[in-house]
Amino acid sequence: MRLKGLVTFFTVMLIAISLYQLSLTFIVRGKEKEMRATARREALKENPSAAGTELDKLTDKHYQEITDSMQGEVIFNALIKKIHAVSSKS
């Protein structure tokens, strides 16, 4: 029972670190959703009659262009580090 305080401290620290990392995940996913929506709008501007797989291919093409143009830009300035955009090249 002597080390109960130490175990509690490490438990709280691990939970705090996990929540911090999870919050960064949500931020990045939100930014990816925004970029995907922008890519879809651009694809529909380019070809308003596109549907199905054709629309998906156009969306992917525009999404790739958007992510390439944002490579290295800061998405979010966290407390300790800056989150940069990374290209999604396959």
Protein backbone atom coordinates (compact mmCIF):
# COMPACT_ATOMS: atom_id res chain seq x y z
CA MET A 1 0.00 0.00 0.00
CA ARG A 2 3.00 2.31 0.24
CA LEU A 3 3.22 2.75 -3.51
CA LYS A 4 -0.49 3.45 -4.00
CA GLY A 5 0.21 7.15 -4.58
CA LEU A 6 2.86 6.35 -7.20
CA VAL A 7 0.52 3.97 -9.03
CA THR A 8 -2.25 6.58 -8.96
CA PHE A 9 0.15 9.24 -10.29
CA PHE A 10 1.25 7.07 -13.22
CA THR A 11 -2.34 6.10 -13.96
CA VAL A 12 -3.43 9.74 -14.08
CA MET A 13 -0.41 10.68 -16.24
CA LEU A 14 -1.10 7.87 -18.72
CA ILE A 15 -4.74 8.90 -18.98
CA ALA A 16 -3.74 12.55 -19.55
CA ILE A 17 -1.22 11.62 -22.25
CA SER A 18 -3.74 9.34 -23.95
CA LEU A 19 -6.39 12.07 -23.99
CA TYR A 20 -3.87 14.55 -25.41
CA GLN A 21 -2.93 12.17 -28.23
CA LEU A 22 -6.58 11.35 -28.88
CA SER A 23 -7.45 15.05 -29.14
CA LEU A 24 -4.74 15.49 -31.78
CA THR A 25 -6.23 12.57 -33.70
CA PHE A 26 -9.65 14.25 -33.70
CA ILE A 27 -8.15 17.53 -34.91
CA VAL A 28 -6.31 15.88 -37.80
CA ARG A 29 -9.35 13.81 -38.80
CA GLY A 30 -11.48 16.95 -38.84
CA LYS A 31 -8.98 18.67 -41.12
CA GLU A 32 -8.93 15.62 -43.42
CA LYS A 33 -12.75 15.72 -43.61
CA GLU A 34 -12.61 19.40 -44.58
CA MET A 35 -10.06 18.67 -47.31
CA ARG A 36 -12.13 15.72 -48.58
CA ALA A 37 -15.25 17.92 -48.75
CA THR A 38 -13.32 20.60 -50.62
CA ALA A 39 -12.01 17.98 -53.05
CA ARG A 40 -15.55 16.71 -53.67
CA ARG A 41 -16.80 20.26 -54.36
CA GLU A 42 -13.93 20.82 -56.80
CA ALA A 43 -14.67 17.50 -58.51
CA LEU A 44 -18.32 18.47 -58.93
CA LYS A 45 -17.32 21.88 -60.31
CA GLU A 46 -15.07 20.18 -62.85
CA ASN A 47 -17.72 17.68 -63.93
CA PRO A 48 -21.22 18.34 -62.54
CA SER A 49 -22.64 15.18 -64.12
CA ALA A 50 -20.08 12.87 -62.49
CA ALA A 51 -21.43 10.11 -60.26
CA GLY A 52 -20.33 6.88 -58.67
CA THR A 53 -16.79 5.72 -59.32
CA GLU A 54 -16.10 8.59 -61.72
CA LEU A 55 -16.90 11.10 -58.99
CA ASP A 56 -14.78 9.12 -56.52
CA LYS A 57 -11.80 9.15 -58.90
CA LEU A 58 -12.14 12.90 -59.49
CA THR A 59 -12.48 13.49 -55.74
CA ASP A 60 -9.35 11.41 -55.06
CA LYS A 61 -7.44 13.36 -57.71
CA HIS A 62 -8.41 16.71 -56.18
CA TYR A 63 -7.78 15.43 -52.65
CA GLN A 64 -4.27 14.39 -53.70
CA GLU A 65 -3.66 17.85 -55.18
CA ILE A 66 -4.89 19.54 -51.99
CA THR A 67 -2.77 17.38 -49.69
CA ASP A 68 0.28 17.85 -51.91
CA SER A 69 -0.14 21.63 -51.82
CA MET A 70 -0.49 21.59 -48.02
CA GLN A 71 2.53 19.39 -47.37
CA GLY A 72 4.61 20.82 -44.54
CA GLU A 73 2.04 23.45 -43.51
CA VAL A 74 1.07 23.68 -39.86
CA ILE A 75 -2.44 22.31 -39.29
CA PHE A 76 -2.56 22.89 -35.56
CA ASN A 77 -0.17 24.41 -33.05
CA ALA A 78 -0.40 22.12 -30.01
CA LEU A 79 1.06 22.89 -26.62
CA ILE A 80 4.34 21.07 -27.18
CA LYS A 81 4.53 20.49 -30.91
CA LYS A 82 3.14 21.69 -34.20
CA ILE A 83 1.05 19.29 -36.27
CA HIS A 84 2.11 19.45 -39.93
CA ALA A 85 0.21 18.26 -42.98
CA VAL A 86 1.70 15.22 -44.68
CA SER A 87 1.06 14.20 -48.26
CA SER A 88 -1.03 11.05 -48.71
CA LYS A 89 0.94 9.69 -51.66
CA SER A 90 0.57 5.94 -52.05
